[in-house]
C-alpha atoms as a PDB file:
ATOM      1  CA  MET A   1     115.091  95.221  87.725  1.00  0.00           C
ATOM      2  CA  ILE A   2     112.935  94.267  90.704  1.00  0.00           C
ATOM      3  CA  VAL A   3     110.288  91.568  90.360  1.00  0.00           C
ATOM      4  CA  LYS A   4     107.919  90.737  93.214  1.00  0.00           C
ATOM      5  CA  SER A   5     104.370  89.722  93.925  1.00  0.00           C
ATOM      6  CA  ALA A   6     102.232  92.551  95.305  1.00  0.00           C
ATOM      7  CA  SER A   7     101.153  90.179  98.073  1.00  0.00           C
ATOM      8  CA  ASP A   8     104.791  89.997  99.263  1.00  0.00           C
ATOM      9  CA  VAL A   9     104.956  93.773  99.832  1.00  0.00           C
ATOM     10  CA  GLU A  10     104.213  95.002 103.348  1.00  0.00           C
ATOM     11  CA  GLU A  11     100.757  96.476 103.763  1.00  0.00           C
ATOM     12  CA  ARG A  12     100.471  99.469 106.102  1.00  0.00           C
ATOM     13  CA  LYS A  13      97.327 100.989 107.544  1.00  0.00           C
ATOM     14  CA  ILE A  14      96.965 104.752 107.100  1.00  0.00           C
ATOM     15  CA  THR A  15      95.204 106.382 110.051  1.00  0.00           C
ATOM     16  CA  THR A  16      95.701 110.110 109.353  1.00  0.00           C
ATOM     17  CA  TYR A  17      96.683 112.354 106.464  1.00  0.00           C
ATOM     18  CA  PRO A  18      97.531 116.047 106.781  1.00  0.00           C
ATOM     19  CA  TYR A  19      95.568 118.834 105.153  1.00  0.00           C
ATOM     20  CA  LYS A  20      96.350 122.499 105.771  1.00  0.00           C
ATOM     21  CA  GLY A  21      98.502 121.597 108.748  1.00  0.00           C
ATOM     22  CA  LYS A  22      95.934 119.364 110.474  1.00  0.00           C
ATOM     23  CA  PRO A  23      95.977 115.550 110.619  1.00  0.00           C
ATOM     24  CA  LEU A  24      92.607 114.352 109.329  1.00  0.00           C
ATOM     25  CA  PRO A  25      91.322 110.853 110.156  1.00  0.00           C
ATOM     26  CA  VAL A  26      91.573 108.240 107.417  1.00  0.00           C
ATOM     27  CA  ARG A  27      89.155 105.297 107.621  1.00  0.00           C
ATOM     28  CA  GLU A  28      89.958 101.676 106.742  1.00  0.00           C
ATOM     29  CA  THR A  29      92.729 102.476 104.254  1.00  0.00           C
ATOM     30  CA  TYR A  30      95.761 100.295 103.536  1.00  0.00           C
ATOM     31  CA  ILE A  31      98.748 100.933 101.259  1.00  0.00           C
ATOM     32  CA  ARG A  32     101.464  98.813  99.640  1.00  0.00           C
ATOM     33  CA  TRP A  33     104.326 100.673  97.935  1.00  0.00           C
ATOM     34  CA  LEU A  34     104.975  98.540  94.834  1.00  0.00           C
ATOM     35  CA  SER A  35     107.741 100.749  93.452  1.00  0.00           C
ATOM     36  CA  GLN A  36     109.361 104.032  94.331  1.00  0.00           C
ATOM     37  CA  ALA A  37     112.151 106.252  92.995  1.00  0.00           C
ATOM     38  CA  GLY A  38     113.740 109.261  94.648  1.00  0.00           C
ATOM     39  CA  PRO A  39     113.750 110.273  98.310  1.00  0.00           C
ATOM     40  CA  LYS A  40     111.684 107.931 100.511  1.00  0.00           C
ATOM     41  CA  ASP A  41     109.711 110.784 102.119  1.00  0.00           C
ATOM     42  CA  ALA A  42     109.145 112.647  98.814  1.00  0.00           C
ATOM     43  CA  PRO A  43     109.421 110.220  95.886  1.00  0.00           C
ATOM     44  CA  GLU A  44     109.712 111.510  92.341  1.00  0.00           C
ATOM     45  CA  TYR A  45     107.769 108.465  91.148  1.00  0.00           C
ATOM     46  CA  GLY A  46     105.791 105.724  92.826  1.00  0.00           C
ATOM     47  CA  LEU A  47     103.265 103.002  92.217  1.00  0.00           C
ATOM     48  CA  ARG A  48     101.044 102.131  95.151  1.00  0.00           C
ATOM     49  CA  PHE A  49      98.333  99.538  95.735  1.00  0.00           C
ATOM     50  CA  PHE A  50      95.497 100.778  97.943  1.00  0.00           C
ATOM     51  CA  THR A  51      92.738  98.862  99.675  1.00  0.00           C
ATOM     52  CA  LEU A  52      89.776 100.807 101.005  1.00  0.00           C
ATOM     53  CA  GLY A  53      87.876  98.645 103.475  1.00  0.00           C
ATOM     54  CA  PRO A  54      84.104  98.887 103.793  1.00  0.00           C
ATOM     55  CA  ASN A  55      83.215 102.594 104.106  1.00  0.00           C
ATOM     56  CA  GLY A  56      86.944 103.355 103.867  1.00  0.00           C
ATOM     57  CA  GLU A  57      87.878 106.931 103.067  1.00  0.00           C
ATOM     58  CA  ILE A  58      90.828 109.221 102.478  1.00  0.00           C
ATOM     59  CA  PRO A  59      89.422 112.685 103.310  1.00  0.00           C
ATOM     60  CA  ILE A  60      90.183 115.974 101.571  1.00  0.00           C
ATOM     61  CA  HIS A  61      93.925 116.425 101.046  1.00  0.00           C
ATOM     62  CA  ASN A  62      96.448 117.603  98.492  1.00  0.00           C
ATOM     63  CA  HIS A  63     100.096 117.040  97.629  1.00  0.00           C
ATOM     64  CA  PRO A  64     102.644 118.416  95.176  1.00  0.00           C
ATOM     65  CA  TYR A  65     102.798 115.351  92.915  1.00  0.00           C
ATOM     66  CA  HIS A  66     100.408 114.392  90.123  1.00  0.00           C
ATOM     67  CA  GLN A  67      98.588 111.093  90.510  1.00  0.00           C
ATOM     68  CA  THR A  68      96.471 108.694  88.535  1.00  0.00           C
ATOM     69  CA  MET A  69      94.230 106.244  90.360  1.00  0.00           C
ATOM     70  CA  TYR A  70      93.098 103.163  88.418  1.00  0.00           C
ATOM     71  CA  ILE A  71      90.204 101.302  90.045  1.00  0.00           C
ATOM     72  CA  LEU A  72      90.694  97.530  90.209  1.00  0.00           C
ATOM     73  CA  SER A  73      87.628  96.503  92.223  1.00  0.00           C
ATOM     74  CA  GLY A  74      84.647  97.948  94.040  1.00  0.00           C
ATOM     75  CA  THR A  75      82.875 101.263  93.646  1.00  0.00           C
ATOM     76  CA  VAL A  76      84.395 104.505  94.892  1.00  0.00           C
ATOM     77  CA  SER A  77      83.479 108.158  94.975  1.00  0.00           C
ATOM     78  CA  ALA A  78      86.203 110.621  93.967  1.00  0.00           C
ATOM     79  CA  THR A  79      85.659 114.283  94.822  1.00  0.00           C
ATOM     80  CA  ALA A  80      87.541 117.411  93.716  1.00  0.00           C
ATOM     81  CA  TYR A  81      87.373 120.541  95.865  1.00  0.00           C
ATOM     82  CA  ASP A  82      87.838 124.260  95.219  1.00  0.00           C
ATOM     83  CA  ILE A  83      91.430 125.115  96.094  1.00  0.00           C
ATOM     84  CA  THR A  84      90.387 128.322  97.892  1.00  0.00           C
ATOM     85  CA  THR A  85      87.136 127.432  99.669  1.00  0.00           C
ATOM     86  CA  ASP A  86      87.385 123.603  99.959  1.00  0.00           C
ATOM     87  CA  ALA A  87      83.824 123.405  98.616  1.00  0.00           C
ATOM     88  CA  PRO A  88      83.161 120.251  96.551  1.00  0.00           C
ATOM     89  CA  ILE A  89      83.183 121.123  92.846  1.00  0.00           C
ATOM     90  CA  GLU A  90      83.035 117.703  91.200  1.00  0.00           C
ATOM     91  CA  ASN A  91      82.123 114.210  92.360  1.00  0.00           C
ATOM     92  CA  LYS A  92      82.413 111.070  90.245  1.00  0.00           C
ATOM     93  CA  THR A  93      81.529 107.452  90.901  1.00  0.00           C
ATOM     94  CA  LEU A  94      84.173 105.036  89.611  1.00  0.00           C
ATOM     95  CA  THR A  95      84.179 101.257  89.166  1.00  0.00           C
ATOM     96  CA  ALA A  96      86.703  98.672  87.972  1.00  0.00           C
ATOM     97  CA  GLY A  97      88.447  99.874  84.821  1.00  0.00           C
ATOM     98  CA  ASP A  98      87.850 103.582  85.501  1.00  0.00           C
ATOM     99  CA  PHE A  99      90.629 106.010  86.380  1.00  0.00           C
ATOM    100  CA  VAL A 100      90.993 109.546  87.655  1.00  0.00           C
ATOM    101  CA  PHE A 101      93.914 111.938  87.149  1.00  0.00           C
ATOM    102  CA  VAL A 102      94.537 114.484  89.917  1.00  0.00           C
ATOM    103  CA  PRO A 103      96.971 117.339  89.172  1.00  0.00           C
ATOM    104  CA  GLY A 104      99.431 118.363  91.857  1.00  0.00           C
ATOM    105  CA  MET A 105      97.986 120.509  94.687  1.00  0.00           C
ATOM    106  CA  GLU A 106      94.345 119.900  93.690  1.00  0.00           C
ATOM    107  CA  PRO A 107      92.340 119.068  96.847  1.00  0.00           C
ATOM    108  CA  HIS A 108      90.565 115.741  96.476  1.00  0.00           C
ATOM    109  CA  SER A 109      89.195 112.759  98.396  1.00  0.00           C
ATOM    110  CA  ILE A 110      88.226 109.166  97.703  1.00  0.00           C
ATOM    111  CA  ARG A 111      85.685 106.963  99.470  1.00  0.00           C
ATOM    112  CA  ASN A 112      84.565 103.340  99.188  1.00  0.00           C
ATOM    113  CA  LEU A 113      80.806 103.357  98.606  1.00  0.00           C
ATOM    114  CA  SER A 114      80.306  99.803  99.900  1.00  0.00           C
ATOM    115  CA  ALA A 115      79.545  99.069 103.538  1.00  0.00           C
ATOM    116  CA  THR A 116      80.428  95.380 103.086  1.00  0.00           C
ATOM    117  CA  GLU A 117      83.191  94.964 100.467  1.00  0.00           C
ATOM    118  CA  ASN A 118      86.693  96.281  99.855  1.00  0.00           C
ATOM    119  CA  ALA A 119      87.605  98.529  96.947  1.00  0.00           C
ATOM    120  CA  THR A 120      91.121  98.415  95.475  1.00  0.00           C
ATOM    121  CA  PHE A 121      93.047 100.721  93.189  1.00  0.00           C
ATOM    122  CA  LEU A 122      96.510 101.365  91.828  1.00  0.00           C
ATOM    123  CA  CYS A 123      97.866 104.860  92.326  1.00  0.00           C
ATOM    124  CA  CYS A 124     100.760 106.104  90.216  1.00  0.00           C
ATOM    125  CA  ILE A 125     102.432 109.294  91.445  1.00  0.00           C
ATOM    126  CA  GLY A 126     105.021 111.440  89.735  1.00  0.00           C
ATOM    127  CA  MET A 127     106.700 114.793  89.951  1.00  0.00           C
ATOM    128  CA  THR A 128     107.442 116.587  86.678  1.00  0.00           C
ATOM    129  CA  CYS A 129     110.111 119.164  85.890  1.00  0.00           C
ATOM    130  CA  ASP A 130     107.497 121.912  86.227  1.00  0.00           C
ATOM    131  CA  ASP A 131     106.574 120.719  89.732  1.00  0.00           C
ATOM    132  CA  ALA A 132     109.521 122.553  91.270  1.00  0.00           C
ATOM    133  CA  SER A 133     107.427 125.712  91.355  1.00  0.00           C
ATOM    134  CA  LEU A 134     104.547 124.132  93.342  1.00  0.00           C
END
């Protein structure tokens, strides 16, 4: 068992995230890995604490693992995109207590709607047995 305070975990700034082979700019986004199991570069499970600074954004991207984002504070916009055309197909506004589930490989983005306050969320990621085919 590991017990820690989230504030004792190193916070790292994310500046880019790849999508279709290109590094896209990430704005005012910080991550703390609270727990992780499996290979460090491709965990089978993880719980992460994200802070999106004012106007912070993780642009369109995808990944093989499933994820659930649970909003702790602030107001964010979560967008799903067509997997073939990258056209936005759904956009939702989320506040504290809301969550969004994103299946593996679904293109998505998240953006802090405030120009003055942070937004925070927990993000749980996990690979399933069926993910081997992704």
